[in-house]
Each structure stands twice: as C-alpha cells, then as structure tokens.
C-alpha cells in the first residue's frame, strides 16, 4: 500500500502542473462537499480563504484520524485535487485524507499576493516582482497558526502532514522544508513541489542547503516534478532539481 500511496501523491503533483484553464475544466466539486472560511493571520497581517474538505465517511468513524494535505494556490488547484482525492478514495487505492486549501479572496488577489507569501528573501531587482520576501512570515502562519487550528478542529494525524505547492508554491515548499530541517522540526512528513522555481534569486535555496550542519534532519518523503515543455524551454530546471537532491 505504501508504494501505491506514493504513486498517488506523485499523480497529484502532476495535476498541479496543469495550466489554470485546463485545471478548472477537468474537475469541479460542489460547494456542499467542502467548507470555506476566512482565517486571519497575525503573522502575515492578512486574511486567507481556507477551503477544507473532510473525507467521505468522516462523520461515521468518530475515532479515526487522517493525514492532512496542505495545498497552496487553492483558488486554482483545490477543485481538481479534491476531485482526484475523492476518485482515488472510491477506487480504494488511496487512503482518505483531510484536504486544506490555502487561498485568497479571489483569483486576482492570489496573483498579486502569492509572490509576497511564497518567496523569501525579497526578490532581486532583475526579477521585477513587486511584492516578495514574506515567505518566513507565511511559514510562521502555516505552522504556528493554521496547523494548530486544523489539529484542534479536525481529527488530523500530526505525524503525516503533507505540504504541496506549484512553481513559486513549490519553491515555498522546499524553502519550508530546508528551514524545518535546520530546526530539526519535522512539521511535515512529506513535501510535494511541482516545478519549483529553483532559479529564484540566484538559486537562493542552494545557499540554504549548503549552509546545513550535522544537525539537519531529513523528511520522510520529498516529491518534485517538472513538465516536458519546461525542460525544452529551460534545460536548467532539470539540472537544478537534480543538483538540489544530489546535495542531500
């Protein structure tokens, strides 16, 4: 079952590589099947839209606890990932999970603020990104505010959490992973980074990795992916991913 579960996470990772337009056409879920709340973060000083989907049968098994998947860019990806989770659960090849999508008020706001939240440090001028550098505060929000809320409200397993992100979101996943490794704090068991923007700020994440000490801990699973067109357009992406994990 472990190998099957791993392949499913990899499939979900590939789903996050779809363009927003294609992703929205492939799958939708009814609003009745999940809850949406507005959650204010003291760390970021902003309010997020949380999309929370409990697994089928959640209320019928009051003693059961579940893996929680924290999904970034939820305004785009929540519907498709939720639909895939449901389908795999129905097929019996994926254990039921609690899906927590972290999003914004709307798509336009997401486009404006995701770079603020997912990137650290502040972007170099050459990248021409207006808002950036808040990745440390966003990580604090997730780990110090959001996770305690989810764990106290839902029957979540604290030792099986998954963090998933795409592009800049994938960058944030790996940034959070390296920070947690340095602190020897395995908040997440697995990290899923689709097409992570490893080139950001002259490969800043490689600098973090090179600063590791003997005290670094390593997470259980780390998944990364890239699209074929990505490699054709920029062969450096494959080299970056290989280099990142060769250095572990």
C-alpha atoms as a PDB file:
ATOM      1  CA  UNK A   1       0.000   0.000   0.000  1.00  0.00           C
ATOM      2  CA  UNK A   2       2.879   2.390   0.721  1.00  0.00           C
ATOM      3  CA  UNK A   3       4.107   2.232  -2.879  1.00  0.00           C
ATOM      4  CA  UNK A   4       0.587   2.831  -4.176  1.00  0.00           C
ATOM      5  CA  UNK A   5       0.113   5.803  -1.870  1.00  0.00           C
ATOM      6  CA  UNK A   6       3.427   7.260  -3.030  1.00  0.00           C
ATOM      7  CA  UNK A   7       2.390   6.949  -6.681  1.00  0.00           C
ATOM      8  CA  UNK A   8      -0.876   8.730  -5.928  1.00  0.00           C
ATOM      9  CA  UNK A   9       0.921  11.682  -4.356  1.00  0.00           C
ATOM     10  CA  UNK A  10       3.114  11.837  -7.456  1.00  0.00           C
ATOM     11  CA  UNK A  11      -0.032  11.873  -9.612  1.00  0.00           C
ATOM     12  CA  UNK A  12      -1.485  14.733  -7.589  1.00  0.00           C
ATOM     13  CA  UNK A  13       1.807  16.524  -8.065  1.00  0.00           C
ATOM     14  CA  UNK A  14       1.496  16.202 -11.839  1.00  0.00           C
ATOM     15  CA  UNK A  15      -2.063  17.571 -11.663  1.00  0.00           C
ATOM     16  CA  UNK A  16      -0.644  20.773 -10.222  1.00  0.00           C
ATOM     17  CA  UNK A  17       1.453  21.231 -13.367  1.00  0.00           C
ATOM     18  CA  UNK A  18      -1.690  21.774 -15.451  1.00  0.00           C
ATOM     19  CA  UNK A  19      -2.454  25.278 -16.648  1.00  0.00           C
ATOM     20  CA  UNK A  20      -5.165  27.077 -14.634  1.00  0.00           C
ATOM     21  CA  UNK A  21      -7.596  26.977 -17.565  1.00  0.00           C
ATOM     22  CA  UNK A  22      -7.198  23.226 -18.088  1.00  0.00           C
ATOM     23  CA  UNK A  23      -7.321  22.518 -14.362  1.00  0.00           C
ATOM     24  CA  UNK A  24     -10.627  24.331 -13.992  1.00  0.00           C
ATOM     25  CA  UNK A  25     -12.185  22.370 -16.872  1.00  0.00           C
ATOM     26  CA  UNK A  26     -11.069  18.914 -15.776  1.00  0.00           C
ATOM     27  CA  UNK A  27     -12.800  18.721 -12.405  1.00  0.00           C
ATOM     28  CA  UNK A  28     -15.059  20.646 -10.132  1.00  0.00           C
ATOM     29  CA  UNK A  29     -16.620  19.735  -6.807  1.00  0.00           C
ATOM     30  CA  UNK A  30     -19.859  21.025  -5.388  1.00  0.00           C
ATOM     31  CA  UNK A  31     -19.664  23.713  -2.667  1.00  0.00           C
ATOM     32  CA  UNK A  32     -21.706  21.422  -0.421  1.00  0.00           C
ATOM     33  CA  UNK A  33     -18.833  18.943  -0.249  1.00  0.00           C
ATOM     34  CA  UNK A  34     -16.371  21.305   1.437  1.00  0.00           C
ATOM     35  CA  UNK A  35     -16.337  24.302   3.744  1.00  0.00           C
ATOM     36  CA  UNK A  36     -14.759  27.701   3.135  1.00  0.00           C
ATOM     37  CA  UNK A  37     -13.780  30.029   5.955  1.00  0.00           C
ATOM     38  CA  UNK A  38     -11.899  33.297   6.217  1.00  0.00           C
ATOM     39  CA  UNK A  39      -8.892  32.971   8.517  1.00  0.00           C
ATOM     40  CA  UNK A  40      -6.880  35.951   9.747  1.00  0.00           C
ATOM     41  CA  UNK A  41      -3.148  35.550  10.252  1.00  0.00           C
ATOM     42  CA  UNK A  42      -1.376  37.598  12.889  1.00  0.00           C
ATOM     43  CA  UNK A  43       1.963  36.606  11.373  1.00  0.00           C
ATOM     44  CA  UNK A  44       1.204  37.928   7.872  1.00  0.00           C
ATOM     45  CA  UNK A  45      -1.307  40.570   8.952  1.00  0.00           C
ATOM     46  CA  UNK A  46      -3.737  39.420   6.276  1.00  0.00           C
ATOM     47  CA  UNK A  47      -6.798  37.189   5.878  1.00  0.00           C
ATOM     48  CA  UNK A  48      -6.877  33.989   3.827  1.00  0.00           C
ATOM     49  CA  UNK A  49      -9.626  31.859   2.330  1.00  0.00           C
ATOM     50  CA  UNK A  50      -9.380  28.290   3.579  1.00  0.00           C
ATOM     51  CA  UNK A  51     -11.041  25.515   1.598  1.00  0.00           C
ATOM     52  CA  UNK A  52     -11.425  22.449   3.821  1.00  0.00           C
ATOM     53  CA  UNK A  53     -12.665  19.084   2.591  1.00  0.00           C
ATOM     54  CA  UNK A  54     -13.230  16.241   5.008  1.00  0.00           C
ATOM     55  CA  UNK A  55     -13.000  12.693   3.626  1.00  0.00           C
ATOM     56  CA  UNK A  56     -16.080  10.689   2.787  1.00  0.00           C
ATOM     57  CA  UNK A  57     -17.286   8.823   5.877  1.00  0.00           C
ATOM     58  CA  UNK A  58     -15.588  11.260   8.254  1.00  0.00           C
ATOM     59  CA  UNK A  59     -18.634  11.609  10.494  1.00  0.00           C
ATOM     60  CA  UNK A  60     -19.315   7.851  10.535  1.00  0.00           C
ATOM     61  CA  UNK A  61     -15.934   6.970  12.066  1.00  0.00           C
ATOM     62  CA  UNK A  62     -15.507   9.350  15.039  1.00  0.00           C
ATOM     63  CA  UNK A  63     -12.378   7.613  16.311  1.00  0.00           C
ATOM     64  CA  UNK A  64     -10.440   7.688  13.041  1.00  0.00           C
ATOM     65  CA  UNK A  65      -7.694  10.226  12.321  1.00  0.00           C
ATOM     66  CA  UNK A  66      -6.460  11.296   8.916  1.00  0.00           C
ATOM     67  CA  UNK A  67      -3.444  12.565   7.015  1.00  0.00           C
ATOM     68  CA  UNK A  68      -3.801  16.269   6.201  1.00  0.00           C
ATOM     69  CA  UNK A  69      -2.681  17.695   2.860  1.00  0.00           C
ATOM     70  CA  UNK A  70      -1.981  21.452   2.895  1.00  0.00           C
ATOM     71  CA  UNK A  71      -2.395  22.746  -0.662  1.00  0.00           C
ATOM     72  CA  UNK A  72      -1.127  26.142  -1.867  1.00  0.00           C
ATOM     73  CA  UNK A  73      -2.718  28.207  -4.666  1.00  0.00           C
ATOM     74  CA  UNK A  74      -6.077  26.770  -3.659  1.00  0.00           C
ATOM     75  CA  UNK A  75      -8.010  29.249  -5.829  1.00  0.00           C
ATOM     76  CA  UNK A  76      -6.721  27.278  -8.826  1.00  0.00           C
ATOM     77  CA  UNK A  77      -5.969  23.773  -7.648  1.00  0.00           C
ATOM     78  CA  UNK A  78      -8.394  22.922  -4.851  1.00  0.00           C
ATOM     79  CA  UNK A  79     -11.217  21.643  -7.075  1.00  0.00           C
ATOM     80  CA  UNK A  80      -9.081  19.358  -9.202  1.00  0.00           C
ATOM     81  CA  UNK A  81      -7.043  17.916  -6.332  1.00  0.00           C
ATOM     82  CA  UNK A  82     -10.194  17.384  -4.222  1.00  0.00           C
ATOM     83  CA  UNK A  83     -11.890  15.585  -7.107  1.00  0.00           C
ATOM     84  CA  UNK A  84      -8.859  13.344  -7.655  1.00  0.00           C
ATOM     85  CA  UNK A  85      -8.624  12.548  -3.948  1.00  0.00           C
ATOM     86  CA  UNK A  86     -12.292  11.510  -3.948  1.00  0.00           C
ATOM     87  CA  UNK A  87     -11.890   9.333  -7.042  1.00  0.00           C
ATOM     88  CA  UNK A  88      -8.799   7.538  -5.744  1.00  0.00           C
ATOM     89  CA  UNK A  89     -10.501   7.009  -2.409  1.00  0.00           C
ATOM     90  CA  UNK A  90     -13.527   5.481  -4.156  1.00  0.00           C
ATOM     91  CA  UNK A  91     -11.215   3.178  -6.116  1.00  0.00           C
ATOM     92  CA  UNK A  92      -9.585   2.017  -2.893  1.00  0.00           C
ATOM     93  CA  UNK A  93      -6.059   2.953  -3.925  1.00  0.00           C
ATOM     94  CA  UNK A  94      -5.641   5.998  -1.694  1.00  0.00           C
ATOM     95  CA  UNK A  95      -6.426   6.383   1.967  1.00  0.00           C
ATOM     96  CA  UNK A  96      -8.931   9.143   2.816  1.00  0.00           C
ATOM     97  CA  UNK A  97      -7.370  12.488   3.736  1.00  0.00           C
ATOM     98  CA  UNK A  98      -8.319  15.919   5.014  1.00  0.00           C
ATOM     99  CA  UNK A  99      -7.551  18.462   2.275  1.00  0.00           C
ATOM    100  CA  UNK A 100      -6.807  22.039   3.373  1.00  0.00           C
ATOM    101  CA  UNK A 101      -6.509  24.527   0.540  1.00  0.00           C
ATOM    102  CA  UNK A 102      -4.850  27.851   1.366  1.00  0.00           C
ATOM    103  CA  UNK A 103      -6.172  30.563  -0.917  1.00  0.00           C
ATOM    104  CA  UNK A 104      -7.116  34.199  -1.190  1.00  0.00           C
ATOM    105  CA  UNK A 105     -10.295  36.228  -1.567  1.00  0.00           C
ATOM    106  CA  UNK A 106     -10.284  35.651  -5.340  1.00  0.00           C
ATOM    107  CA  UNK A 107      -8.030  34.703  -8.240  1.00  0.00           C
ATOM    108  CA  UNK A 108      -6.906  38.283  -8.874  1.00  0.00           C
ATOM    109  CA  UNK A 109      -5.770  38.692  -5.279  1.00  0.00           C
ATOM    110  CA  UNK A 110      -3.962  35.367  -5.440  1.00  0.00           C
ATOM    111  CA  UNK A 111      -1.983  36.518  -8.464  1.00  0.00           C
ATOM    112  CA  UNK A 112      -0.974  39.662  -6.592  1.00  0.00           C
ATOM    113  CA  UNK A 113      -0.092  38.143  -3.207  1.00  0.00           C
ATOM    114  CA  UNK A 114       1.299  34.669  -3.860  1.00  0.00           C
ATOM    115  CA  UNK A 115       4.766  36.089  -4.584  1.00  0.00           C
ATOM    116  CA  UNK A 116       4.624  38.015  -1.321  1.00  0.00           C
ATOM    117  CA  UNK A 117       3.861  34.850   0.604  1.00  0.00           C
ATOM    118  CA  UNK A 118       5.777  32.123  -1.223  1.00  0.00           C
ATOM    119  CA  UNK A 119       9.116  33.833  -1.857  1.00  0.00           C
ATOM    120  CA  UNK A 120      11.992  34.521   0.501  1.00  0.00           C
ATOM    121  CA  UNK A 121      14.129  36.603   0.569  1.00  0.00           C
ATOM    122  CA  UNK A 122      12.930  39.750  -1.202  1.00  0.00           C
ATOM    123  CA  UNK A 123      13.338  39.448  -4.970  1.00  0.00           C
ATOM    124  CA  UNK A 124      16.381  40.945  -6.634  1.00  0.00           C
ATOM    125  CA  UNK A 125      15.543  43.925  -8.923  1.00  0.00           C
ATOM    126  CA  UNK A 126      16.191  41.869 -12.053  1.00  0.00           C
ATOM    127  CA  UNK A 127      13.096  39.744 -11.336  1.00  0.00           C
ATOM    128  CA  UNK A 128      10.776  42.793 -11.377  1.00  0.00           C
ATOM    129  CA  UNK A 129       8.473  41.286  -8.735  1.00  0.00           C
ATOM    130  CA  UNK A 130       6.577  43.999  -6.878  1.00  0.00           C
ATOM    131  CA  UNK A 131       5.779  42.028  -3.723  1.00  0.00           C
ATOM    132  CA  UNK A 132       8.068  39.334  -2.315  1.00  0.00           C
ATOM    133  CA  UNK A 133      10.079  38.319   0.708  1.00  0.00           C
ATOM    134  CA  UNK A 134       7.320  37.232   3.088  1.00  0.00           C
ATOM    135  CA  UNK A 135       7.968  33.501   2.940  1.00  0.00           C
ATOM    136  CA  UNK A 136       9.206  33.404   6.521  1.00  0.00           C
ATOM    137  CA  UNK A 137       6.016  35.047   7.812  1.00  0.00           C
ATOM    138  CA  UNK A 138       3.841  32.776   5.672  1.00  0.00           C
ATOM    139  CA  UNK A 139       5.621  29.724   7.043  1.00  0.00           C
ATOM    140  CA  UNK A 140       5.033  31.002  10.564  1.00  0.00           C
ATOM    141  CA  UNK A 141       1.344  31.438   9.741  1.00  0.00           C
ATOM    142  CA  UNK A 142       1.012  27.854   8.499  1.00  0.00           C
ATOM    143  CA  UNK A 143       2.974  26.217  11.271  1.00  0.00           C
ATOM    144  CA  UNK A 144       2.084  28.381  14.272  1.00  0.00           C
ATOM    145  CA  UNK A 145      -1.495  29.392  13.453  1.00  0.00           C
ATOM    146  CA  UNK A 146      -3.092  27.235  10.767  1.00  0.00           C
ATOM    147  CA  UNK A 147      -1.855  23.789  11.774  1.00  0.00           C
ATOM    148  CA  UNK A 148      -2.881  24.235  15.440  1.00  0.00           C
ATOM    149  CA  UNK A 149      -6.324  25.346  14.262  1.00  0.00           C
ATOM    150  CA  UNK A 150      -6.753  22.352  11.935  1.00  0.00           C
ATOM    151  CA  UNK A 151      -5.429  19.882  14.520  1.00  0.00           C
ATOM    152  CA  UNK A 152      -7.800  21.201  17.180  1.00  0.00           C
ATOM    153  CA  UNK A 153     -10.837  21.342  14.884  1.00  0.00           C
ATOM    154  CA  UNK A 154     -10.463  18.163  12.832  1.00  0.00           C
ATOM    155  CA  UNK A 155      -9.181  14.657  13.546  1.00  0.00           C
ATOM    156  CA  UNK A 156      -5.800  15.136  11.905  1.00  0.00           C
ATOM    157  CA  UNK A 157      -2.758  12.907  12.341  1.00  0.00           C
ATOM    158  CA  UNK A 158       0.086  15.177  13.479  1.00  0.00           C
ATOM    159  CA  UNK A 159       2.831  12.907  12.106  1.00  0.00           C
ATOM    160  CA  UNK A 160       1.630  12.520   8.496  1.00  0.00           C
ATOM    161  CA  UNK A 161       1.094  16.064   7.208  1.00  0.00           C
ATOM    162  CA  UNK A 162       1.842  16.874   3.548  1.00  0.00           C
ATOM    163  CA  UNK A 163       2.670  20.300   2.055  1.00  0.00           C
ATOM    164  CA  UNK A 164       2.009  20.749  -1.686  1.00  0.00           C
ATOM    165  CA  UNK A 165       2.806  23.664  -3.989  1.00  0.00           C
ATOM    166  CA  UNK A 166       3.479  24.514  -7.648  1.00  0.00           C
ATOM    167  CA  UNK A 167       6.026  26.902  -9.204  1.00  0.00           C
ATOM    168  CA  UNK A 168       6.560  29.642  -6.596  1.00  0.00           C
ATOM    169  CA  UNK A 169       4.459  27.446  -4.315  1.00  0.00           C
ATOM    170  CA  UNK A 170       6.884  24.606  -4.999  1.00  0.00           C
ATOM    171  CA  UNK A 171       9.729  26.951  -4.124  1.00  0.00           C
ATOM    172  CA  UNK A 172       7.999  27.720  -0.827  1.00  0.00           C
ATOM    173  CA  UNK A 173       7.596  24.014  -0.063  1.00  0.00           C
ATOM    174  CA  UNK A 174      11.332  23.463  -0.438  1.00  0.00           C
ATOM    175  CA  UNK A 175      12.126  26.657   1.482  1.00  0.00           C
ATOM    176  CA  UNK A 176       9.912  25.492   4.365  1.00  0.00           C
ATOM    177  CA  UNK A 177      11.494  22.049   4.178  1.00  0.00           C
ATOM    178  CA  UNK A 178      15.028  23.436   4.487  1.00  0.00           C
ATOM    179  CA  UNK A 179      14.022  25.698   7.358  1.00  0.00           C
ATOM    180  CA  UNK A 180      12.447  22.776   9.201  1.00  0.00           C
ATOM    181  CA  UNK A 181      15.453  20.575   8.521  1.00  0.00           C
ATOM    182  CA  UNK A 182      17.735  23.195  10.058  1.00  0.00           C
ATOM    183  CA  UNK A 183      15.490  23.476  13.109  1.00  0.00           C
ATOM    184  CA  UNK A 184      15.189  19.675  13.348  1.00  0.00           C
ATOM    185  CA  UNK A 185      11.449  20.232  13.320  1.00  0.00           C
ATOM    186  CA  UNK A 186       9.606  17.735  11.124  1.00  0.00           C
ATOM    187  CA  UNK A 187       6.313  19.605  10.990  1.00  0.00           C
ATOM    188  CA  UNK A 188       5.538  17.911   7.672  1.00  0.00           C
ATOM    189  CA  UNK A 189       6.226  14.287   6.849  1.00  0.00           C
ATOM    190  CA  UNK A 190       6.171  14.921   3.103  1.00  0.00           C
ATOM    191  CA  UNK A 191       6.753  17.829   0.734  1.00  0.00           C
ATOM    192  CA  UNK A 192       5.389  17.906  -2.824  1.00  0.00           C
ATOM    193  CA  UNK A 193       6.971  20.564  -5.053  1.00  0.00           C
ATOM    194  CA  UNK A 194       5.741  20.709  -8.648  1.00  0.00           C
ATOM    195  CA  UNK A 195       8.014  22.670 -10.978  1.00  0.00           C
ATOM    196  CA  UNK A 196       9.700  24.538  -8.105  1.00  0.00           C
ATOM    197  CA  UNK A 197      11.221  27.889  -9.107  1.00  0.00           C
ATOM    198  CA  UNK A 198      14.727  26.893  -8.033  1.00  0.00           C
ATOM    199  CA  UNK A 199      16.329  29.623 -10.138  1.00  0.00           C
ATOM    200  CA  UNK A 200      14.815  32.331  -7.911  1.00  0.00           C
ATOM    201  CA  UNK A 201      17.273  34.898  -6.504  1.00  0.00           C
ATOM    202  CA  UNK A 202      20.373  33.310  -7.969  1.00  0.00           C
ATOM    203  CA  UNK A 203      19.382  29.866  -6.609  1.00  0.00           C
ATOM    204  CA  UNK A 204      18.957  31.046  -3.045  1.00  0.00           C
ATOM    205  CA  UNK A 205      17.733  27.645  -1.855  1.00  0.00           C
ATOM    206  CA  UNK A 206      21.053  26.108  -2.825  1.00  0.00           C
ATOM    207  CA  UNK A 207      22.748  28.566  -0.478  1.00  0.00           C
ATOM    208  CA  UNK A 208      20.467  27.386   2.332  1.00  0.00           C
ATOM    209  CA  UNK A 209      21.245  23.783   1.511  1.00  0.00           C
ATOM    210  CA  UNK A 210      24.985  24.445   1.505  1.00  0.00           C
ATOM    211  CA  UNK A 211      24.702  26.008   4.968  1.00  0.00           C
ATOM    212  CA  UNK A 212      23.339  22.817   6.503  1.00  0.00           C
ATOM    213  CA  UNK A 213      25.021  21.422   9.560  1.00  0.00           C
ATOM    214  CA  UNK A 214      25.251  17.968  11.063  1.00  0.00           C
ATOM    215  CA  UNK A 215      22.063  18.729  12.971  1.00  0.00           C
ATOM    216  CA  UNK A 216      19.902  18.801   9.833  1.00  0.00           C
ATOM    217  CA  UNK A 217      17.033  16.314   9.793  1.00  0.00           C
ATOM    218  CA  UNK A 218      15.593  14.850   6.608  1.00  0.00           C
ATOM    219  CA  UNK A 219      11.839  14.488   5.907  1.00  0.00           C
ATOM    220  CA  UNK A 220      10.326  11.109   5.086  1.00  0.00           C
ATOM    221  CA  UNK A 221       9.345  11.906   1.505  1.00  0.00           C
ATOM    222  CA  UNK A 222      10.098  14.739  -0.919  1.00  0.00           C
ATOM    223  CA  UNK A 223       8.467  14.714  -4.354  1.00  0.00           C
ATOM    224  CA  UNK A 224       9.356  17.045  -7.215  1.00  0.00           C
ATOM    225  CA  UNK A 225       8.274  17.190 -10.836  1.00  0.00           C
ATOM    226  CA  UNK A 226       8.719  19.202 -13.983  1.00  0.00           C
ATOM    227  CA  UNK A 227       6.932  19.274 -17.330  1.00  0.00           C
ATOM    228  CA  UNK A 228       8.488  18.138 -20.582  1.00  0.00           C
ATOM    229  CA  UNK A 229       7.907  21.526 -22.175  1.00  0.00           C
ATOM    230  CA  UNK A 230       9.628  23.101 -19.186  1.00  0.00           C
ATOM    231  CA  UNK A 231      12.786  21.160 -19.885  1.00  0.00           C
ATOM    232  CA  UNK A 232      12.682  22.040 -23.581  1.00  0.00           C
ATOM    233  CA  UNK A 233      12.305  25.727 -22.812  1.00  0.00           C
ATOM    234  CA  UNK A 234      14.803  25.768 -19.984  1.00  0.00           C
ATOM    235  CA  UNK A 235      17.058  22.755 -19.599  1.00  0.00           C
ATOM    236  CA  UNK A 236      18.395  24.330 -16.432  1.00  0.00           C
ATOM    237  CA  UNK A 237      15.307  23.230 -14.478  1.00  0.00           C
ATOM    238  CA  UNK A 238      16.187  19.541 -14.674  1.00  0.00           C
ATOM    239  CA  UNK A 239      19.768  20.306 -13.688  1.00  0.00           C
ATOM    240  CA  UNK A 240      18.549  22.389 -10.754  1.00  0.00           C
ATOM    241  CA  UNK A 241      16.289  19.629  -9.427  1.00  0.00           C
ATOM    242  CA  UNK A 242      18.983  17.003  -9.785  1.00  0.00           C
ATOM    243  CA  UNK A 243      21.538  19.250  -8.094  1.00  0.00           C
ATOM    244  CA  UNK A 244      19.202  20.046  -5.216  1.00  0.00           C
ATOM    245  CA  UNK A 245      18.703  16.437  -4.238  1.00  0.00           C
ATOM    246  CA  UNK A 246      22.182  15.212  -5.076  1.00  0.00           C
ATOM    247  CA  UNK A 247      23.377  17.512  -2.282  1.00  0.00           C
ATOM    248  CA  UNK A 248      21.294  15.853   0.433  1.00  0.00           C
END
